[in-house]
Amino acid sequence: MKKTCFKCNLEQELSSYQKDKANKDGLKGTCKKCLSTYHRIYKGENSIIRNSEYRLKHAQAQKKYRDKKKLNGTYKYYRGNRTLQSERWRNKQENKIKKSAHDKLYLAMKRGNIIKKPCVVCNDLKSNGHHEDYSKPLDVIWLCNKHHYEHHQKSR
């Protein structure tokens, strides 16, 4: 069976048409070749518009996210290269003990020796282990991001 394309007016086999449930025959009115040409041209003409719209939407979403985190008290702003900052943090002598404690806790959780618990304040399941004493790496208090942040603010 054959069908005529609306764009190129060529009669072609049904296999050269994409499926479309909205049409009676279940196929698009234009052949795959014409559709790909149309999409290539449309994408080229509108890429600048679409990219600028995307950037605007993305910037608005980021601002909304930051504002929400600031209200919760869990927003932290990092400037510069984060990998470089984290490398500097890891290389400081006083932080090597902290990193070691974090690693030991992570491995114990991964092995199943320690089970992650909910926040002790609000019972939120998304919690972090807070070390009061880094010399005891498996002795932690489970706090959500908000309460972990508040705990550090109080201790300063």
Protein backbone atom coordinates (compact mmCIF):
# COMPACT_ATOMS: atom_id res chain seq x y z
CA MET A 1 0.00 0.00 0.00
CA LYS A 2 1.24 3.53 -0.77
CA LYS A 3 0.61 7.08 0.47
CA THR A 4 1.32 10.55 -0.98
CA CYS A 5 3.45 13.01 1.04
CA PHE A 6 1.94 16.50 1.54
CA LYS A 7 5.33 18.24 1.19
CA CYS A 8 7.07 16.53 -1.72
CA ASN A 9 3.93 15.02 -3.38
CA LEU A 10 5.71 11.71 -3.96
CA GLU A 11 3.86 8.44 -3.58
CA GLN A 12 5.84 6.24 -1.18
CA GLU A 13 5.54 3.02 0.81
CA LEU A 14 3.87 3.25 4.24
CA SER A 15 7.14 2.31 5.93
CA SER A 16 8.59 5.73 4.98
CA TYR A 17 6.06 7.52 7.24
CA GLN A 18 6.18 7.98 11.01
CA LYS A 19 3.35 6.76 13.21
CA ASP A 20 0.77 9.30 14.41
CA LYS A 21 -2.29 8.17 16.37
CA ALA A 22 -4.09 11.47 15.70
CA ASN A 23 -4.52 10.71 11.97
CA LYS A 24 -7.13 8.25 10.69
CA ASP A 25 -4.61 6.03 8.95
CA GLY A 26 -2.24 6.16 11.96
CA LEU A 27 0.60 7.81 10.01
CA LYS A 28 1.93 11.35 9.64
CA GLY A 29 1.04 13.26 6.48
CA THR A 30 4.67 13.95 5.54
CA CYS A 31 7.36 11.38 4.84
CA LYS A 32 10.36 10.85 7.13
CA LYS A 33 12.72 12.57 4.68
CA CYS A 34 10.62 15.77 4.53
CA LEU A 35 10.18 15.77 8.31
CA SER A 36 13.91 15.49 8.95
CA THR A 37 14.58 18.33 6.48
CA TYR A 38 11.93 20.50 8.18
CA HIS A 39 13.32 19.79 11.67
CA ARG A 40 16.89 20.49 10.58
CA ILE A 41 15.87 23.89 9.12
CA TYR A 42 13.63 24.76 12.09
CA LYS A 43 16.32 23.84 14.60
CA GLY A 44 18.88 26.01 12.79
CA GLU A 45 16.61 29.05 12.52
CA ASN A 46 15.31 28.95 16.07
CA SER A 47 18.39 27.79 17.99
CA ILE A 48 19.28 31.30 19.18
CA ILE A 49 15.73 31.96 20.39
CA ARG A 50 15.43 28.58 22.08
CA ASN A 51 18.86 28.87 23.73
CA SER A 52 18.14 32.35 25.11
CA GLU A 53 14.72 31.21 26.39
CA TYR A 54 16.34 28.20 28.01
CA ARG A 55 19.01 30.33 29.66
CA LEU A 56 16.35 32.69 31.03
CA LYS A 57 14.21 29.82 32.38
CA HIS A 58 17.29 28.14 33.86
CA ALA A 59 18.42 31.35 35.58
CA GLN A 60 14.93 31.87 37.03
CA ALA A 61 14.83 28.27 38.28
CA GLN A 62 18.28 28.66 39.89
CA LYS A 63 17.19 31.87 41.64
CA LYS A 64 14.02 30.19 42.89
CA TYR A 65 16.07 27.24 44.20
CA ARG A 66 18.58 29.54 45.94
CA ASP A 67 15.79 31.58 47.55
CA LYS A 68 14.12 28.40 48.80
CA LYS A 69 17.41 27.13 50.26
CA LYS A 70 18.08 30.51 51.90
CA LEU A 71 14.67 30.34 53.61
CA ASN A 72 15.47 26.84 54.88
CA GLY A 73 18.87 27.99 56.05
CA THR A 74 20.67 25.36 54.01
CA TYR A 75 22.07 27.52 51.19
CA LYS A 76 25.83 27.71 50.78
CA TYR A 77 27.48 29.77 48.05
CA TYR A 78 30.70 28.45 46.54
CA ARG A 79 32.90 30.72 44.48
CA GLY A 80 35.48 29.57 42.01
CA ASN A 81 36.54 26.06 41.19
CA ARG A 82 34.92 23.66 43.66
CA THR A 83 37.26 20.78 42.86
CA LEU A 84 40.25 23.01 43.61
CA GLN A 85 38.62 24.17 46.86
CA SER A 86 37.88 20.61 47.95
CA GLU A 87 41.44 19.55 47.10
CA ARG A 88 42.83 22.37 49.23
CA TRP A 89 40.44 21.39 52.05
CA ARG A 90 41.57 17.74 51.89
CA ASN A 91 45.28 18.65 51.94
CA LYS A 92 45.10 20.72 55.15
CA GLN A 93 46.42 18.71 58.11
CA GLU A 94 43.44 19.36 60.43
CA ASN A 95 41.01 18.30 57.69
CA LYS A 96 42.76 14.98 57.02
CA ILE A 97 41.35 13.63 60.30
CA LYS A 98 37.86 14.83 59.30
CA LYS A 99 38.17 13.27 55.85
CA SER A 100 39.36 10.01 57.40
CA ALA A 101 36.32 9.96 59.72
CA HIS A 102 33.97 10.67 56.82
CA ASP A 103 35.55 7.88 54.77
CA LYS A 104 35.31 5.36 57.62
CA LEU A 105 31.63 6.19 58.16
CA TYR A 106 30.93 5.88 54.42
CA LEU A 107 32.63 2.46 54.24
CA ALA A 108 30.81 1.22 57.34
CA MET A 109 27.48 2.29 55.80
CA LYS A 110 28.37 0.66 52.50
CA ARG A 111 29.32 -2.62 54.22
CA GLY A 112 26.12 -2.56 56.27
CA ASN A 113 27.81 -2.17 59.67
CA ILE A 114 25.95 1.12 60.22
CA ILE A 115 22.44 1.86 58.97
CA LYS A 116 21.54 5.41 58.04
CA LYS A 117 18.87 6.76 60.40
CA PRO A 118 16.39 9.65 60.07
CA CYS A 119 17.07 13.11 61.50
CA VAL A 120 16.92 13.06 65.31
CA VAL A 121 15.07 16.41 65.33
CA CYS A 122 12.44 16.13 62.56
CA ASN A 123 12.64 12.45 61.45
CA ASP A 124 13.46 13.44 57.86
CA LEU A 125 14.84 10.40 56.00
CA LYS A 126 17.39 12.50 54.09
CA SER A 127 19.95 12.84 56.85
CA ASN A 128 23.71 13.23 57.24
CA GLY A 129 25.98 11.84 59.91
CA HIS A 130 27.39 14.62 62.10
CA HIS A 131 30.63 13.88 63.97
CA GLU A 132 30.92 15.49 67.41
CA ASP A 133 34.36 13.90 67.83
CA TYR A 134 36.41 12.93 64.77
CA SER A 135 38.48 10.47 66.78
CA LYS A 136 35.29 8.35 67.01
CA PRO A 137 34.37 8.09 63.31
CA LEU A 138 31.42 5.73 63.75
CA ASP A 139 29.81 7.72 66.58
CA VAL A 140 27.56 10.18 64.72
CA ILE A 141 24.36 12.15 65.21
CA TRP A 142 21.95 11.88 62.26
CA LEU A 143 20.70 15.33 61.15
CA CYS A 144 18.91 16.59 58.01
CA ASN A 145 20.57 19.41 56.05
CA LYS A 146 18.55 22.12 57.78
CA HIS A 147 19.25 20.94 61.32
CA HIS A 148 22.88 20.08 60.50
CA TYR A 149 23.37 23.67 59.33
CA GLU A 150 21.63 25.02 62.45
CA HIS A 151 23.78 22.81 64.68
CA HIS A 152 26.96 24.24 63.13
CA GLN A 153 25.62 27.80 63.48
CA LYS A 154 25.00 27.23 67.21
CA SER A 155 28.43 25.74 67.80
CA ARG A 156 30.28 28.75 66.30
